[in-house]
Amino acid sequence: MVHVGDMAAAVAFYEKLGGEVNHGDRDGEWVLMQVGTAQIGLVTRPPDAARGASTVELNFSATMPLDKLEQWLRDNDVKIVEVARDLDLGVQLHVETPDGMPIKIHQVEPELMV
């Protein structure tokens, strides 16, 4: 996920690199782009500066129910920073690497998949 100030300009930049919009709207708040074999999520919401978040964060989709994943992470001494609800992605587990980089793990809720 890359936080951007101007979505249309960011989309145009990644299109120059060969990217294509898969989901979202170049005039909206978020876009998912395919650039070669990589997917890049662009979002206009600023990062959480209060927690020292950078303009890039890792996002993963869970392959198991989030409550089971949360328990597994806790059992393996991974600190859960927060369990949050995102309007676009549904429920997310927020964890951090030992260096403090934010990682968000989500399980997309069926009603949000359109």
Protein backbone atom coordinates (compact mmCIF):
# COMPACT_ATOMS: atom_id res chain seq x y z
CA MET A 1 0.00 0.00 0.00
CA VAL A 2 1.39 3.39 -1.00
CA HIS A 3 -0.08 6.56 0.49
CA VAL A 4 -0.35 9.30 -2.16
CA GLY A 5 -1.32 12.97 -2.12
CA ASP A 6 -2.78 13.13 -5.65
CA MET A 7 -4.42 9.93 -6.89
CA ALA A 8 -4.73 10.97 -10.53
CA ALA A 9 -1.05 11.95 -10.70
CA ALA A 10 0.02 8.71 -8.98
CA VAL A 11 -2.08 6.57 -11.35
CA ALA A 12 -0.65 8.42 -14.34
CA PHE A 13 2.90 7.82 -13.03
CA TYR A 14 2.38 4.06 -12.59
CA GLU A 15 0.67 3.86 -16.00
CA LYS A 16 3.87 5.29 -17.52
CA LEU A 17 5.65 2.33 -15.91
CA GLY A 18 3.24 -0.03 -17.69
CA GLY A 19 0.67 -0.26 -14.89
CA GLU A 20 -3.04 -0.85 -15.35
CA VAL A 21 -5.89 -0.05 -12.96
CA ASN A 22 -7.54 -3.30 -11.76
CA HIS A 23 -9.95 -1.85 -9.18
CA GLY A 24 -10.90 1.56 -7.90
CA ASP A 25 -11.10 4.92 -9.62
CA ARG A 26 -8.30 7.31 -10.56
CA ASP A 27 -10.41 10.10 -9.01
CA GLY A 28 -11.30 8.05 -5.90
CA GLU A 29 -9.66 7.29 -2.56
CA TRP A 30 -8.04 3.97 -3.54
CA VAL A 31 -6.81 2.09 -6.58
CA LEU A 32 -5.34 -1.36 -7.08
CA MET A 33 -2.91 -1.46 -10.01
CA GLN A 34 -1.10 -4.27 -11.76
CA VAL A 35 2.47 -3.34 -12.67
CA GLY A 36 4.13 -6.33 -14.33
CA THR A 37 3.72 -9.22 -11.89
CA ALA A 38 3.28 -6.91 -8.88
CA GLN A 39 0.12 -5.37 -7.51
CA ILE A 40 0.32 -1.91 -5.95
CA GLY A 41 -2.41 -0.44 -3.82
CA LEU A 42 -2.67 3.35 -3.81
CA VAL A 43 -4.64 5.18 -1.12
CA THR A 44 -5.17 8.88 -0.51
CA ARG A 45 -5.57 8.55 3.27
CA PRO A 46 -2.45 9.78 5.06
CA PRO A 47 -0.46 7.23 7.11
CA ASP A 48 -0.90 7.22 10.90
CA ALA A 49 1.79 9.81 11.69
CA ALA A 50 1.05 9.55 15.42
CA ARG A 51 2.52 6.04 15.33
CA GLY A 52 5.39 7.07 13.07
CA ALA A 53 3.96 5.20 10.08
CA SER A 54 5.74 5.56 6.76
CA THR A 55 4.09 6.21 3.42
CA VAL A 56 4.50 2.52 2.53
CA GLU A 57 3.02 -0.37 4.49
CA LEU A 58 2.74 -4.09 3.87
CA ASN A 59 -0.73 -5.58 3.48
CA PHE A 60 -1.54 -9.28 3.33
CA SER A 61 -4.72 -11.28 2.85
CA ALA A 62 -5.30 -14.02 5.40
CA THR A 63 -5.87 -17.60 4.27
CA MET A 64 -7.48 -18.54 7.60
CA PRO A 65 -10.14 -16.88 9.74
CA LEU A 66 -8.68 -13.79 11.42
CA ASP A 67 -9.64 -14.88 14.94
CA LYS A 68 -7.60 -18.09 14.50
CA LEU A 69 -4.71 -16.16 12.96
CA GLU A 70 -4.79 -13.63 15.80
CA GLN A 71 -4.57 -16.42 18.38
CA TRP A 72 -1.75 -18.13 16.47
CA LEU A 73 0.20 -14.85 16.31
CA ARG A 74 -0.30 -14.23 20.05
CA ASP A 75 0.76 -17.82 20.83
CA ASN A 76 3.93 -17.16 18.83
CA ASP A 77 4.75 -13.91 20.65
CA VAL A 78 3.77 -11.55 17.83
CA LYS A 79 2.41 -8.37 19.34
CA ILE A 80 -0.97 -7.39 17.93
CA VAL A 81 -0.97 -3.60 17.77
CA GLU A 82 -4.65 -3.34 16.97
CA VAL A 83 -7.67 -5.12 15.53
CA ALA A 84 -9.41 -2.58 13.32
CA ARG A 85 -12.26 -2.30 10.83
CA ASP A 86 -11.39 -0.69 7.50
CA LEU A 87 -14.25 0.56 5.30
CA ASP A 88 -12.60 -0.82 2.15
CA LEU A 89 -10.97 -4.02 3.43
CA GLY A 90 -13.04 -5.16 6.40
CA VAL A 91 -11.44 -6.37 9.66
CA GLN A 92 -7.66 -6.11 9.89
CA LEU A 93 -4.97 -7.26 12.28
CA HIS A 94 -2.27 -4.63 12.70
CA VAL A 95 1.17 -5.91 13.68
CA GLU A 96 4.65 -4.42 13.40
CA THR A 97 8.01 -5.83 12.41
CA PRO A 98 10.79 -5.67 15.00
CA ASP A 99 11.91 -2.47 13.22
CA GLY A 100 8.47 -0.89 13.60
CA MET A 101 7.23 -1.22 10.01
CA PRO A 102 3.43 -1.60 9.98
CA ILE A 103 1.85 -4.74 8.55
CA LYS A 104 -1.90 -5.08 8.07
CA ILE A 105 -3.45 -8.50 7.60
CA HIS A 106 -7.02 -8.57 6.35
CA GLN A 107 -9.66 -11.00 5.35
CA VAL A 108 -11.89 -9.39 2.75
CA GLU A 109 -15.51 -9.68 3.74
CA PRO A 110 -17.75 -11.13 0.98
CA GLU A 111 -20.03 -8.08 0.83
CA LEU A 112 -16.99 -5.87 0.10
CA MET A 113 -15.88 -7.97 -2.87
CA VAL A 114 -17.54 -6.37 -5.90
